[in-house]
Amino acid sequence: MDIWGTAWAQLGAVGLLGVVFLLLFTGRLLPRSLVRETLDRAERSVTAADQRAEDSRKAAELADQRADLYRDTMREMLRSIQSVERLVGALGPGDRRDAIG
């Protein structure tokens, strides 16, 4: 005896409507418009997330360039200071008597 075959056969229109309602109520059967709207919203969300990721990547690249420029500038300033120190050291202590009195 095929229990499912007879059960479905005995349902009729009212039973079929009940099954459809049960599927809708439990969320297993969704209207096409709701599915399309949900998919569109998800697609827009993914697109926005991709844009934010691209913006973040560009900002990180700019921050890296800024850090490189800062490092290079500080290196040049240090070299300049060292050059001045060597120049002052090469000139020697000099005669400081005129500064004292």
PDB file of N, CA and C in Angstrom:
ATOM      1  N   MET A   1       0.842  -1.183   0.000  1.00  0.00           N
ATOM      2  CA  MET A   1       0.000   0.000   0.000  1.00  0.00           C
ATOM      3  C   MET A   1       0.883   1.240   0.000  1.00  0.00           C
ATOM      4  N   ASP A   2       0.688   2.097  -0.976  1.00  0.00           N
ATOM      5  CA  ASP A   2       1.452   3.335  -1.113  1.00  0.00           C
ATOM      6  C   ASP A   2       0.731   4.432  -0.340  1.00  0.00           C
ATOM      7  N   ILE A   3       1.242   4.732   0.844  1.00  0.00           N
ATOM      8  CA  ILE A   3       0.545   5.679   1.723  1.00  0.00           C
ATOM      9  C   ILE A   3       0.601   7.106   1.186  1.00  0.00           C
ATOM     10  N   TRP A   4       1.757   7.509   0.565  1.00  0.00           N
ATOM     11  CA  TRP A   4       1.869   8.865   0.058  1.00  0.00           C
ATOM     12  C   TRP A   4       0.985   9.093  -1.160  1.00  0.00           C
ATOM     13  N   GLY A   5       0.905   8.104  -2.009  1.00  0.00           N
ATOM     14  CA  GLY A   5       0.059   8.248  -3.194  1.00  0.00           C
ATOM     15  C   GLY A   5      -1.391   8.442  -2.820  1.00  0.00           C
ATOM     16  N   THR A   6      -1.905   7.679  -1.878  1.00  0.00           N
ATOM     17  CA  THR A   6      -3.297   7.817  -1.475  1.00  0.00           C
ATOM     18  C   THR A   6      -3.530   9.077  -0.664  1.00  0.00           C
ATOM     19  N   ALA A   7      -2.556   9.474   0.154  1.00  0.00           N
ATOM     20  CA  ALA A   7      -2.732  10.679   0.972  1.00  0.00           C
ATOM     21  C   ALA A   7      -2.830  11.903   0.073  1.00  0.00           C
ATOM     22  N   TRP A   8      -1.964  12.004  -0.923  1.00  0.00           N
ATOM     23  CA  TRP A   8      -2.010  13.140  -1.824  1.00  0.00           C
ATOM     24  C   TRP A   8      -3.278  13.118  -2.675  1.00  0.00           C
ATOM     25  N   ALA A   9      -3.677  11.934  -3.046  1.00  0.00           N
ATOM     26  CA  ALA A   9      -4.886  11.818  -3.866  1.00  0.00           C
ATOM     27  C   ALA A   9      -6.112  12.232  -3.073  1.00  0.00           C
ATOM     28  N   GLN A  10      -6.121  12.004  -1.787  1.00  0.00           N
ATOM     29  CA  GLN A  10      -7.280  12.327  -0.955  1.00  0.00           C
ATOM     30  C   GLN A  10      -7.313  13.791  -0.515  1.00  0.00           C
ATOM     31  N   LEU A  11      -6.224  14.504  -0.699  1.00  0.00           N
ATOM     32  CA  LEU A  11      -6.196  15.893  -0.246  1.00  0.00           C
ATOM     33  C   LEU A  11      -7.205  16.766  -0.989  1.00  0.00           C
ATOM     34  N   GLY A  12      -7.183  16.705  -2.279  1.00  0.00           N
ATOM     35  CA  GLY A  12      -8.097  17.518  -3.065  1.00  0.00           C
ATOM     36  C   GLY A  12      -7.648  18.967  -3.097  1.00  0.00           C
ATOM     37  N   ALA A  13      -8.519  19.859  -3.558  1.00  0.00           N
ATOM     38  CA  ALA A  13      -8.193  21.275  -3.726  1.00  0.00           C
ATOM     39  C   ALA A  13      -7.968  21.968  -2.383  1.00  0.00           C
ATOM     40  N   VAL A  14      -8.811  21.640  -1.394  1.00  0.00           N
ATOM     41  CA  VAL A  14      -8.680  22.283  -0.080  1.00  0.00           C
ATOM     42  C   VAL A  14      -7.381  21.856   0.582  1.00  0.00           C
ATOM     43  N   GLY A  15      -7.042  20.607   0.478  1.00  0.00           N
ATOM     44  CA  GLY A  15      -5.789  20.120   1.058  1.00  0.00           C
ATOM     45  C   GLY A  15      -4.576  20.714   0.363  1.00  0.00           C
ATOM     46  N   LEU A  16      -4.647  20.816  -0.968  1.00  0.00           N
ATOM     47  CA  LEU A  16      -3.553  21.413  -1.719  1.00  0.00           C
ATOM     48  C   LEU A  16      -3.372  22.878  -1.330  1.00  0.00           C
ATOM     49  N   LEU A  17      -4.464  23.592  -1.165  1.00  0.00           N
ATOM     50  CA  LEU A  17      -4.397  24.983  -0.727  1.00  0.00           C
ATOM     51  C   LEU A  17      -3.791  25.074   0.676  1.00  0.00           C
ATOM     52  N   GLY A  18      -4.149  24.140   1.516  1.00  0.00           N
ATOM     53  CA  GLY A  18      -3.579  24.098   2.873  1.00  0.00           C
ATOM     54  C   GLY A  18      -2.076  23.869   2.841  1.00  0.00           C
ATOM     55  N   VAL A  19      -1.617  22.977   1.959  1.00  0.00           N
ATOM     56  CA  VAL A  19      -0.183  22.703   1.847  1.00  0.00           C
ATOM     57  C   VAL A  19       0.552  23.945   1.341  1.00  0.00           C
ATOM     58  N   VAL A  20      -0.028  24.624   0.339  1.00  0.00           N
ATOM     59  CA  VAL A  20       0.582  25.848  -0.178  1.00  0.00           C
ATOM     60  C   VAL A  20       0.648  26.901   0.925  1.00  0.00           C
ATOM     61  N   PHE A  21      -0.413  27.054   1.681  1.00  0.00           N
ATOM     62  CA  PHE A  21      -0.426  28.014   2.782  1.00  0.00           C
ATOM     63  C   PHE A  21       0.634  27.644   3.815  1.00  0.00           C
ATOM     64  N   LEU A  22       0.747  26.350   4.128  1.00  0.00           N
ATOM     65  CA  LEU A  22       1.734  25.890   5.101  1.00  0.00           C
ATOM     66  C   LEU A  22       3.151  26.186   4.592  1.00  0.00           C
ATOM     67  N   LEU A  23       3.395  25.960   3.313  1.00  0.00           N
ATOM     68  CA  LEU A  23       4.709  26.242   2.748  1.00  0.00           C
ATOM     69  C   LEU A  23       5.003  27.747   2.770  1.00  0.00           C
ATOM     70  N   LEU A  24       4.011  28.576   2.466  1.00  0.00           N
ATOM     71  CA  LEU A  24       4.186  30.018   2.545  1.00  0.00           C
ATOM     72  C   LEU A  24       4.444  30.471   3.973  1.00  0.00           C
ATOM     73  N   PHE A  25       3.694  29.920   4.901  1.00  0.00           N
ATOM     74  CA  PHE A  25       3.788  30.298   6.302  1.00  0.00           C
ATOM     75  C   PHE A  25       5.148  29.923   6.894  1.00  0.00           C
ATOM     76  N   THR A  26       5.698  28.789   6.504  1.00  0.00           N
ATOM     77  CA  THR A  26       6.986  28.357   7.038  1.00  0.00           C
ATOM     78  C   THR A  26       8.172  28.961   6.289  1.00  0.00           C
ATOM     79  N   GLY A  27       7.904  29.671   5.173  1.00  0.00           N
ATOM     80  CA  GLY A  27       8.962  30.342   4.445  1.00  0.00           C
ATOM     81  C   GLY A  27       9.643  29.472   3.409  1.00  0.00           C
ATOM     82  N   ARG A  28       9.090  28.320   3.108  1.00  0.00           N
ATOM     83  CA  ARG A  28       9.688  27.439   2.107  1.00  0.00           C
ATOM     84  C   ARG A  28       9.226  27.779   0.692  1.00  0.00           C
ATOM     85  N   LEU A  29       8.166  28.538   0.600  1.00  0.00           N
ATOM     86  CA  LEU A  29       7.649  28.966  -0.693  1.00  0.00           C
ATOM     87  C   LEU A  29       7.487  30.478  -0.622  1.00  0.00           C
ATOM     88  N   LEU A  30       8.201  31.192  -1.501  1.00  0.00           N
ATOM     89  CA  LEU A  30       8.194  32.648  -1.460  1.00  0.00           C
ATOM     90  C   LEU A  30       7.672  33.210  -2.775  1.00  0.00           C
ATOM     91  N   PRO A  31       7.012  34.347  -2.720  1.00  0.00           N
ATOM     92  CA  PRO A  31       6.556  34.991  -3.948  1.00  0.00           C
ATOM     93  C   PRO A  31       7.758  35.441  -4.793  1.00  0.00           C
ATOM     94  N   ARG A  32       7.611  35.387  -6.091  1.00  0.00           N
ATOM     95  CA  ARG A  32       8.692  35.737  -7.008  1.00  0.00           C
ATOM     96  C   ARG A  32       9.156  37.179  -6.794  1.00  0.00           C
ATOM     97  N   SER A  33       8.226  38.095  -6.561  1.00  0.00           N
ATOM     98  CA  SER A  33       8.603  39.498  -6.378  1.00  0.00           C
ATOM     99  C   SER A  33       9.499  39.667  -5.148  1.00  0.00           C
ATOM    100  N   LEU A  34       9.205  38.928  -4.087  1.00  0.00           N
ATOM    101  CA  LEU A  34      10.024  39.006  -2.881  1.00  0.00           C
ATOM    102  C   LEU A  34      11.415  38.440  -3.128  1.00  0.00           C
ATOM    103  N   VAL A  35      11.491  37.363  -3.872  1.00  0.00           N
ATOM    104  CA  VAL A  35      12.791  36.775  -4.182  1.00  0.00           C
ATOM    105  C   VAL A  35      13.609  37.729  -5.039  1.00  0.00           C
ATOM    106  N   ARG A  36      12.994  38.326  -6.051  1.00  0.00           N
ATOM    107  CA  ARG A  36      13.715  39.283  -6.906  1.00  0.00           C
ATOM    108  C   ARG A  36      14.191  40.493  -6.110  1.00  0.00           C
ATOM    109  N   GLU A  37      13.319  41.009  -5.254  1.00  0.00           N
ATOM    110  CA  GLU A  37      13.687  42.167  -4.444  1.00  0.00           C
ATOM    111  C   GLU A  37      14.857  41.830  -3.517  1.00  0.00           C
ATOM    112  N   THR A  38      14.818  40.651  -2.917  1.00  0.00           N
ATOM    113  CA  THR A  38      15.890  40.220  -2.019  1.00  0.00           C
ATOM    114  C   THR A  38      17.199  40.055  -2.780  1.00  0.00           C
ATOM    115  N   LEU A  39      17.138  39.459  -3.960  1.00  0.00           N
ATOM    116  CA  LEU A  39      18.344  39.280  -4.766  1.00  0.00           C
ATOM    117  C   LEU A  39      18.907  40.617  -5.240  1.00  0.00           C
ATOM    118  N   ASP A  40      18.031  41.538  -5.639  1.00  0.00           N
ATOM    119  CA  ASP A  40      18.484  42.867  -6.051  1.00  0.00           C
ATOM    120  C   ASP A  40      19.153  43.603  -4.893  1.00  0.00           C
ATOM    121  N   ARG A  41      18.552  43.509  -3.716  1.00  0.00           N
ATOM    122  CA  ARG A  41      19.117  44.164  -2.540  1.00  0.00           C
ATOM    123  C   ARG A  41      20.486  43.566  -2.212  1.00  0.00           C
ATOM    124  N   ALA A  42      20.607  42.248  -2.316  1.00  0.00           N
ATOM    125  CA  ALA A  42      21.887  41.593  -2.051  1.00  0.00           C
ATOM    126  C   ALA A  42      22.928  42.010  -3.077  1.00  0.00           C
ATOM    127  N   GLU A  43      22.520  42.149  -4.333  1.00  0.00           N
ATOM    128  CA  GLU A  43      23.451  42.564  -5.382  1.00  0.00           C
ATOM    129  C   GLU A  43      23.927  43.994  -5.154  1.00  0.00           C
ATOM    130  N   ARG A  44      23.011  44.879  -4.760  1.00  0.00           N
ATOM    131  CA  ARG A  44      23.403  46.254  -4.468  1.00  0.00           C
ATOM    132  C   ARG A  44      24.354  46.297  -3.272  1.00  0.00           C
ATOM    133  N   SER A  45      24.095  45.452  -2.305  1.00  0.00           N
ATOM    134  CA  SER A  45      24.948  45.400  -1.121  1.00  0.00           C
ATOM    135  C   SER A  45      26.350  44.934  -1.484  1.00  0.00           C
ATOM    136  N   VAL A  46      26.432  43.927  -2.345  1.00  0.00           N
ATOM    137  CA  VAL A  46      27.739  43.425  -2.787  1.00  0.00           C
ATOM    138  C   VAL A  46      28.468  44.498  -3.581  1.00  0.00           C
ATOM    139  N   THR A  47      27.752  45.197  -4.454  1.00  0.00           N
ATOM    140  CA  THR A  47      28.359  46.267  -5.242  1.00  0.00           C
ATOM    141  C   THR A  47      28.884  47.376  -4.325  1.00  0.00           C
ATOM    142  N   ALA A  48      28.102  47.747  -3.330  1.00  0.00           N
ATOM    143  CA  ALA A  48      28.534  48.780  -2.387  1.00  0.00           C
ATOM    144  C   ALA A  48      29.745  48.300  -1.589  1.00  0.00           C
ATOM    145  N   ALA A  49      29.748  47.041  -1.205  1.00  0.00           N
ATOM    146  CA  ALA A  49      30.885  46.495  -0.460  1.00  0.00           C
ATOM    147  C   ALA A  49      32.140  46.482  -1.327  1.00  0.00           C
ATOM    148  N   ASP A  50      31.981  46.146  -2.604  1.00  0.00           N
ATOM    149  CA  ASP A  50      33.124  46.173  -3.514  1.00  0.00           C
ATOM    150  C   ASP A  50      33.670  47.593  -3.653  1.00  0.00           C
ATOM    151  N   GLN A  51      32.792  48.569  -3.725  1.00  0.00           N
ATOM    152  CA  GLN A  51      33.222  49.969  -3.835  1.00  0.00           C
ATOM    153  C   GLN A  51      33.960  50.409  -2.575  1.00  0.00           C
ATOM    154  N   ARG A  52      33.428  50.018  -1.402  1.00  0.00           N
ATOM    155  CA  ARG A  52      34.105  50.363  -0.149  1.00  0.00           C
ATOM    156  C   ARG A  52      35.476  49.697  -0.073  1.00  0.00           C
ATOM    157  N   ALA A  53      35.569  48.457  -0.530  1.00  0.00           N
ATOM    158  CA  ALA A  53      36.859  47.758  -0.527  1.00  0.00           C
ATOM    159  C   ALA A  53      37.851  48.456  -1.449  1.00  0.00           C
ATOM    160  N   GLU A  54      37.395  48.879  -2.619  1.00  0.00           N
ATOM    161  CA  GLU A  54      38.259  49.596  -3.553  1.00  0.00           C
ATOM    162  C   GLU A  54      38.709  50.929  -2.956  1.00  0.00           C
ATOM    163  N   ASP A  55      37.792  51.646  -2.304  1.00  0.00           N
ATOM    164  CA  ASP A  55      38.147  52.911  -1.654  1.00  0.00           C
ATOM    165  C   ASP A  55      39.176  52.688  -0.541  1.00  0.00           C
ATOM    166  N   SER A  56      38.990  51.621   0.222  1.00  0.00           N
ATOM    167  CA  SER A  56      39.929  51.306   1.306  1.00  0.00           C
ATOM    168  C   SER A  56      41.305  50.962   0.739  1.00  0.00           C
ATOM    169  N   ARG A  57      41.326  50.228  -0.375  1.00  0.00           N
ATOM    170  CA  ARG A  57      42.599  49.872  -0.995  1.00  0.00           C
ATOM    171  C   ARG A  57      43.332  51.127  -1.479  1.00  0.00           C
ATOM    172  N   LYS A  58      42.593  52.044  -2.106  1.00  0.00           N
ATOM    173  CA  LYS A  58      43.203  53.292  -2.573  1.00  0.00           C
ATOM    174  C   LYS A  58      43.718  54.126  -1.403  1.00  0.00           C
ATOM    175  N   ALA A  59      42.948  54.173  -0.326  1.00  0.00           N
ATOM    176  CA  ALA A  59      43.375  54.932   0.853  1.00  0.00           C
ATOM    177  C   ALA A  59      44.638  54.318   1.457  1.00  0.00           C
ATOM    178  N   ALA A  60      44.716  53.006   1.481  1.00  0.00           N
ATOM    179  CA  ALA A  60      45.914  52.349   2.006  1.00  0.00           C
ATOM    180  C   ALA A  60      47.127  52.641   1.128  1.00  0.00           C
ATOM    181  N   GLU A  61      46.943  52.641  -0.184  1.00  0.00           N
ATOM    182  CA  GLU A  61      48.046  52.973  -1.089  1.00  0.00           C
ATOM    183  C   GLU A  61      48.519  54.411  -0.868  1.00  0.00           C
ATOM    184  N   LEU A  62      47.567  55.340  -0.716  1.00  0.00           N
ATOM    185  CA  LEU A  62      47.942  56.738  -0.460  1.00  0.00           C
ATOM    186  C   LEU A  62      48.673  56.877   0.872  1.00  0.00           C
ATOM    187  N   ALA A  63      48.216  56.150   1.879  1.00  0.00           N
ATOM    188  CA  ALA A  63      48.885  56.201   3.182  1.00  0.00           C
ATOM    189  C   ALA A  63      50.307  55.651   3.074  1.00  0.00           C
ATOM    190  N   ASP A  64      50.490  54.591   2.297  1.00  0.00           N
ATOM    191  CA  ASP A  64      51.838  54.044   2.092  1.00  0.00           C
ATOM    192  C   ASP A  64      52.731  55.043   1.370  1.00  0.00           C
ATOM    193  N   GLN A  65      52.189  55.707   0.346  1.00  0.00           N
ATOM    194  CA  GLN A  65      52.970  56.715  -0.379  1.00  0.00           C
ATOM    195  C   GLN A  65      53.346  57.868   0.543  1.00  0.00           C
ATOM    196  N   ARG A  66      52.408  58.287   1.383  1.00  0.00           N
ATOM    197  CA  ARG A  66      52.671  59.377   2.318  1.00  0.00           C
ATOM    198  C   ARG A  66      53.760  58.973   3.314  1.00  0.00           C
ATOM    199  N   ALA A  67      53.704  57.740   3.800  1.00  0.00           N
ATOM    200  CA  ALA A  67      54.720  57.255   4.738  1.00  0.00           C
ATOM    201  C   ALA A  67      56.088  57.180   4.067  1.00  0.00           C
ATOM    202  N   ASP A  68      56.127  56.745   2.807  1.00  0.00           N
ATOM    203  CA  ASP A  68      57.397  56.693   2.081  1.00  0.00           C
ATOM    204  C   ASP A  68      57.970  58.096   1.895  1.00  0.00           C
ATOM    205  N   LEU A  69      57.116  59.050   1.534  1.00  0.00           N
ATOM    206  CA  LEU A  69      57.562  60.425   1.359  1.00  0.00           C
ATOM    207  C   LEU A  69      58.085  61.005   2.667  1.00  0.00           C
ATOM    208  N   TYR A  70      57.392  60.746   3.765  1.00  0.00           N
ATOM    209  CA  TYR A  70      57.817  61.220   5.084  1.00  0.00           C
ATOM    210  C   TYR A  70      59.171  60.624   5.448  1.00  0.00           C
ATOM    211  N   ARG A  71      59.334  59.318   5.222  1.00  0.00           N
ATOM    212  CA  ARG A  71      60.596  58.642   5.534  1.00  0.00           C
ATOM    213  C   ARG A  71      61.738  59.235   4.706  1.00  0.00           C
ATOM    214  N   ASP A  72      61.488  59.441   3.411  1.00  0.00           N
ATOM    215  CA  ASP A  72      62.529  60.006   2.549  1.00  0.00           C
ATOM    216  C   ASP A  72      62.888  61.434   2.967  1.00  0.00           C
ATOM    217  N   THR A  73      61.888  62.212   3.341  1.00  0.00           N
ATOM    218  CA  THR A  73      62.129  63.584   3.788  1.00  0.00           C
ATOM    219  C   THR A  73      62.950  63.599   5.074  1.00  0.00           C
ATOM    220  N   MET A  74      62.597  62.735   6.019  1.00  0.00           N
ATOM    221  CA  MET A  74      63.348  62.665   7.280  1.00  0.00           C
ATOM    222  C   MET A  74      64.784  62.199   7.033  1.00  0.00           C
ATOM    223  N   ARG A  75      64.987  61.279   6.114  1.00  0.00           N
ATOM    224  CA  ARG A  75      66.326  60.792   5.782  1.00  0.00           C
ATOM    225  C   ARG A  75      67.173  61.942   5.198  1.00  0.00           C
ATOM    226  N   GLU A  76      66.574  62.735   4.316  1.00  0.00           N
ATOM    227  CA  GLU A  76      67.299  63.869   3.733  1.00  0.00           C
ATOM    228  C   GLU A  76      67.631  64.919   4.794  1.00  0.00           C
ATOM    229  N   MET A  77      66.691  65.162   5.704  1.00  0.00           N
ATOM    230  CA  MET A  77      66.957  66.123   6.776  1.00  0.00           C
ATOM    231  C   MET A  77      68.091  65.638   7.673  1.00  0.00           C
ATOM    232  N   LEU A  78      68.108  64.354   7.974  1.00  0.00           N
ATOM    233  CA  LEU A  78      69.171  63.792   8.801  1.00  0.00           C
ATOM    234  C   LEU A  78      70.521  63.913   8.099  1.00  0.00           C
ATOM    235  N   ARG A  79      70.551  63.635   6.806  1.00  0.00           N
ATOM    236  CA  ARG A  79      71.799  63.782   6.044  1.00  0.00           C
ATOM    237  C   ARG A  79      72.263  65.245   6.055  1.00  0.00           C
ATOM    238  N   SER A  80      71.324  66.167   5.929  1.00  0.00           N
ATOM    239  CA  SER A  80      71.687  67.592   5.951  1.00  0.00           C
ATOM    240  C   SER A  80      72.275  67.977   7.297  1.00  0.00           C
ATOM    241  N   ILE A  81      71.659  67.516   8.366  1.00  0.00           N
ATOM    242  CA  ILE A  81      72.153  67.828   9.714  1.00  0.00           C
ATOM    243  C   ILE A  81      73.534  67.227   9.918  1.00  0.00           C
ATOM    244  N   GLN A  82      73.734  65.994   9.452  1.00  0.00           N
ATOM    245  CA  GLN A  82      75.038  65.354   9.590  1.00  0.00           C
ATOM    246  C   GLN A  82      76.100  66.105   8.779  1.00  0.00           C
ATOM    247  N   SER A  83      75.722  66.593   7.604  1.00  0.00           N
ATOM    248  CA  SER A  83      76.672  67.367   6.796  1.00  0.00           C
ATOM    249  C   SER A  83      77.078  68.648   7.506  1.00  0.00           C
ATOM    250  N   VAL A  84      76.111  69.327   8.109  1.00  0.00           N
ATOM    251  CA  VAL A  84      76.409  70.556   8.848  1.00  0.00           C
ATOM    252  C   VAL A  84      77.293  70.244  10.035  1.00  0.00           C
ATOM    253  N   GLU A  85      77.017  69.163  10.754  1.00  0.00           N
ATOM    254  CA  GLU A  85      77.841  68.780  11.900  1.00  0.00           C
ATOM    255  C   GLU A  85      79.277  68.485  11.461  1.00  0.00           C
ATOM    256  N   ARG A  86      79.457  67.778  10.330  1.00  0.00           N
ATOM    257  CA  ARG A  86      80.793  67.489   9.823  1.00  0.00           C
ATOM    258  C   ARG A  86      81.517  68.775   9.423  1.00  0.00           C
ATOM    259  N   LEU A  87      80.782  69.686   8.825  1.00  0.00           N
ATOM    260  CA  LEU A  87      81.368  70.955   8.423  1.00  0.00           C
ATOM    261  C   LEU A  87      81.821  71.752   9.642  1.00  0.00           C
ATOM    262  N   VAL A  88      80.992  71.810  10.646  1.00  0.00           N
ATOM    263  CA  VAL A  88      81.340  72.531  11.871  1.00  0.00           C
ATOM    264  C   VAL A  88      82.514  71.841  12.555  1.00  0.00           C
ATOM    265  N   GLY A  89      82.500  70.500  12.565  1.00  0.00           N
ATOM    266  CA  GLY A  89      83.617  69.766  13.175  1.00  0.00           C
ATOM    267  C   GLY A  89      84.910  69.951  12.410  1.00  0.00           C
ATOM    268  N   ALA A  90      84.832  70.069  11.085  1.00  0.00           N
ATOM    269  CA  ALA A  90      86.037  70.253  10.270  1.00  0.00           C
ATOM    270  C   ALA A  90      86.631  71.639  10.479  1.00  0.00           C
ATOM    271  N   LEU A  91      85.823  72.615  10.751  1.00  0.00           N
ATOM    272  CA  LEU A  91      86.332  73.967  10.989  1.00  0.00           C
ATOM    273  C   LEU A  91      87.065  74.059  12.321  1.00  0.00           C
ATOM    274  N   GLY A  92      86.820  73.144  13.195  1.00  0.00           N
ATOM    275  CA  GLY A  92      87.528  73.120  14.476  1.00  0.00           C
ATOM    276  C   GLY A  92      86.881  74.031  15.486  1.00  0.00           C
ATOM    277  N   PRO A  93      87.393  73.942  16.709  1.00  0.00           N
ATOM    278  CA  PRO A  93      86.811  74.765  17.781  1.00  0.00           C
ATOM    279  C   PRO A  93      87.088  76.236  17.581  1.00  0.00           C
ATOM    280  N   GLY A  94      88.192  76.576  16.925  1.00  0.00           N
ATOM    281  CA  GLY A  94      88.451  77.984  16.619  1.00  0.00           C
ATOM    282  C   GLY A  94      88.906  78.774  17.831  1.00  0.00           C
ATOM    283  N   ASP A  95      89.089  80.044  17.634  1.00  0.00           N
ATOM    284  CA  ASP A  95      89.520  80.945  18.698  1.00  0.00           C
ATOM    285  C   ASP A  95      88.272  81.575  19.295  1.00  0.00           C
ATOM    286  N   ARG A  96      87.993  81.218  20.509  1.00  0.00           N
ATOM    287  CA  ARG A  96      86.775  81.687  21.135  1.00  0.00           C
ATOM    288  C   ARG A  96      87.032  82.865  22.100  1.00  0.00           C
ATOM    289  N   ARG A  97      88.195  83.408  22.083  1.00  0.00           N
ATOM    290  CA  ARG A  97      88.488  84.498  23.000  1.00  0.00           C
ATOM    291  C   ARG A  97      87.661  85.734  22.711  1.00  0.00           C
ATOM    292  N   ASP A  98      87.354  85.933  21.432  1.00  0.00           N
ATOM    293  CA  ASP A  98      86.567  87.118  21.094  1.00  0.00           C
ATOM    294  C   ASP A  98      85.117  86.988  21.533  1.00  0.00           C
ATOM    295  N   ALA A  99      84.653  85.790  21.692  1.00  0.00           N
ATOM    296  CA  ALA A  99      83.279  85.583  22.132  1.00  0.00           C
ATOM    297  C   ALA A  99      83.161  85.761  23.637  1.00  0.00           C
ATOM    298  N   ILE A 100      84.207  85.487  24.346  1.00  0.00           N
ATOM    299  CA  ILE A 100      84.163  85.574  25.808  1.00  0.00           C
ATOM    300  C   ILE A 100      84.285  87.018  26.274  1.00  0.00           C
ATOM    301  N   GLY A 101      85.130  87.725  25.747  1.00  0.00           N
ATOM    302  CA  GLY A 101      85.404  89.005  26.335  1.00  0.00           C
ATOM    303  C   GLY A 101      85.243  90.114  25.439  1.00  0.00           C
TER     304      GLY A 101
END
